[in-house]
Amino acid sequence: MKKPKAATINIRLDENLAKAFKDIVDRDGYTQTLVLTEFIKRYVKKNGQGALDL
């Protein structure tokens, strides 16, 4: 199976929220990309596009 092409999403966050998020994912041994990707997959599946091949 061919790996899907990657897309970039830019978001604006409060600096304190962004720092807290980075600190937590670093502490837990994850990357921000991994955590946000998993969140987005769950959100999409839950809210109407569950048939997507994620």
N, C-alpha and C. Protein backbone atom coordinates (compact mmCIF):
# COMPACT_ATOMS: atom_id res chain seq x y z
N MET A 1 0.85 -1.18 0.00
CA MET A 1 0.00 0.00 0.00
C MET A 1 0.89 1.24 0.00
N LYS A 2 0.58 2.18 -0.87
CA LYS A 2 1.35 3.41 -1.00
C LYS A 2 0.99 4.37 0.14
N LYS A 3 2.02 4.98 0.73
CA LYS A 3 1.79 5.94 1.81
C LYS A 3 1.14 7.20 1.25
N PRO A 4 0.06 7.69 1.91
CA PRO A 4 -0.62 8.89 1.41
C PRO A 4 0.29 10.11 1.50
N LYS A 5 0.06 11.05 0.62
CA LYS A 5 0.80 12.30 0.61
C LYS A 5 0.46 13.09 1.88
N ALA A 6 1.46 13.70 2.48
CA ALA A 6 1.26 14.46 3.72
C ALA A 6 0.79 15.88 3.41
N ALA A 7 -0.01 16.42 4.32
CA ALA A 7 -0.47 17.80 4.23
C ALA A 7 0.00 18.53 5.49
N THR A 8 0.11 19.83 5.39
CA THR A 8 0.51 20.66 6.52
C THR A 8 -0.66 21.51 6.96
N ILE A 9 -0.89 21.56 8.28
CA ILE A 9 -1.92 22.42 8.85
C ILE A 9 -1.23 23.37 9.83
N ASN A 10 -1.46 24.66 9.66
CA ASN A 10 -0.91 25.66 10.58
C ASN A 10 -2.04 26.15 11.48
N ILE A 11 -1.79 26.20 12.78
CA ILE A 11 -2.80 26.69 13.72
C ILE A 11 -2.19 27.75 14.62
N ARG A 12 -3.03 28.63 15.10
CA ARG A 12 -2.59 29.65 16.05
C ARG A 12 -3.12 29.27 17.43
N LEU A 13 -2.23 29.30 18.41
CA LEU A 13 -2.59 28.99 19.79
C LEU A 13 -2.04 30.05 20.71
N ASP A 14 -2.68 30.19 21.84
CA ASP A 14 -2.12 31.00 22.91
C ASP A 14 -0.73 30.44 23.24
N GLU A 15 0.25 31.30 23.45
CA GLU A 15 1.62 30.84 23.72
C GLU A 15 1.70 29.91 24.91
N ASN A 16 0.95 30.21 25.96
CA ASN A 16 0.98 29.35 27.15
C ASN A 16 0.42 27.97 26.87
N LEU A 17 -0.65 27.91 26.08
CA LEU A 17 -1.23 26.62 25.71
C LEU A 17 -0.26 25.82 24.84
N ALA A 18 0.36 26.48 23.87
CA ALA A 18 1.31 25.81 22.99
C ALA A 18 2.49 25.26 23.78
N LYS A 19 3.01 26.03 24.72
CA LYS A 19 4.15 25.58 25.53
C LYS A 19 3.74 24.41 26.42
N ALA A 20 2.57 24.51 27.05
CA ALA A 20 2.10 23.42 27.91
C ALA A 20 1.93 22.14 27.11
N PHE A 21 1.36 22.24 25.91
CA PHE A 21 1.17 21.07 25.06
C PHE A 21 2.51 20.45 24.70
N LYS A 22 3.46 21.27 24.26
CA LYS A 22 4.79 20.76 23.90
C LYS A 22 5.46 20.10 25.09
N ASP A 23 5.40 20.74 26.25
CA ASP A 23 6.02 20.18 27.45
C ASP A 23 5.42 18.81 27.79
N ILE A 24 4.11 18.69 27.68
CA ILE A 24 3.43 17.44 28.04
C ILE A 24 3.77 16.32 27.05
N VAL A 25 3.71 16.60 25.75
CA VAL A 25 4.03 15.54 24.79
C VAL A 25 5.50 15.14 24.88
N ASP A 26 6.38 16.11 25.13
CA ASP A 26 7.80 15.78 25.32
C ASP A 26 7.97 14.88 26.55
N ARG A 27 7.32 15.24 27.63
CA ARG A 27 7.41 14.47 28.87
C ARG A 27 6.93 13.03 28.65
N ASP A 28 5.86 12.90 27.86
CA ASP A 28 5.27 11.58 27.63
C ASP A 28 5.94 10.80 26.50
N GLY A 29 6.93 11.40 25.85
CA GLY A 29 7.67 10.70 24.81
C GLY A 29 7.00 10.65 23.45
N TYR A 30 6.10 11.58 23.20
CA TYR A 30 5.41 11.65 21.91
C TYR A 30 5.84 12.91 21.17
N THR A 31 5.36 13.04 19.93
CA THR A 31 5.54 14.28 19.19
C THR A 31 4.20 14.99 19.10
N GLN A 32 4.25 16.29 18.90
CA GLN A 32 3.02 17.04 18.73
C GLN A 32 2.25 16.53 17.51
N THR A 33 2.97 16.22 16.45
CA THR A 33 2.34 15.71 15.23
C THR A 33 1.58 14.42 15.50
N LEU A 34 2.20 13.49 16.20
CA LEU A 34 1.54 12.21 16.49
C LEU A 34 0.27 12.42 17.30
N VAL A 35 0.35 13.21 18.35
CA VAL A 35 -0.82 13.43 19.22
C VAL A 35 -1.94 14.11 18.46
N LEU A 36 -1.62 15.14 17.69
CA LEU A 36 -2.66 15.84 16.94
C LEU A 36 -3.23 14.99 15.82
N THR A 37 -2.40 14.19 15.16
CA THR A 37 -2.88 13.30 14.11
C THR A 37 -3.88 12.29 14.68
N GLU A 38 -3.56 11.70 15.82
CA GLU A 38 -4.47 10.73 16.44
C GLU A 38 -5.77 11.41 16.86
N PHE A 39 -5.68 12.62 17.40
CA PHE A 39 -6.89 13.36 17.77
C PHE A 39 -7.76 13.61 16.54
N ILE A 40 -7.15 14.07 15.44
CA ILE A 40 -7.91 14.37 14.23
C ILE A 40 -8.55 13.11 13.66
N LYS A 41 -7.84 12.00 13.66
CA LYS A 41 -8.41 10.73 13.17
C LYS A 41 -9.66 10.36 13.97
N ARG A 42 -9.56 10.42 15.31
CA ARG A 42 -10.72 10.08 16.15
C ARG A 42 -11.87 11.04 15.89
N TYR A 43 -11.57 12.32 15.77
CA TYR A 43 -12.60 13.33 15.55
C TYR A 43 -13.33 13.08 14.22
N VAL A 44 -12.57 12.81 13.17
CA VAL A 44 -13.16 12.56 11.85
C VAL A 44 -14.02 11.30 11.88
N LYS A 45 -13.52 10.23 12.48
CA LYS A 45 -14.30 8.99 12.56
C LYS A 45 -15.58 9.19 13.35
N LYS A 46 -15.50 9.92 14.46
CA LYS A 46 -16.65 10.13 15.32
C LYS A 46 -17.69 11.04 14.68
N ASN A 47 -17.26 11.98 13.87
CA ASN A 47 -18.15 13.02 13.38
C ASN A 47 -18.49 12.92 11.89
N GLY A 48 -18.58 11.70 11.38
CA GLY A 48 -19.19 11.55 10.08
C GLY A 48 -18.37 11.02 8.94
N GLN A 49 -17.08 10.82 9.10
CA GLN A 49 -16.29 10.28 8.01
C GLN A 49 -15.58 9.00 8.44
N GLY A 50 -16.29 8.19 9.18
CA GLY A 50 -15.72 6.97 9.72
C GLY A 50 -15.22 5.99 8.68
N ALA A 51 -15.69 6.12 7.44
CA ALA A 51 -15.28 5.19 6.39
C ALA A 51 -13.94 5.56 5.76
N LEU A 52 -13.38 6.70 6.14
CA LEU A 52 -12.09 7.08 5.58
C LEU A 52 -11.04 6.05 5.95
N ASP A 53 -10.12 5.79 5.05
CA ASP A 53 -9.04 4.84 5.31
C ASP A 53 -7.92 5.58 6.03
N LEU A 54 -8.00 5.60 7.35
CA LEU A 54 -7.00 6.31 8.15
C LEU A 54 -6.14 5.30 8.83
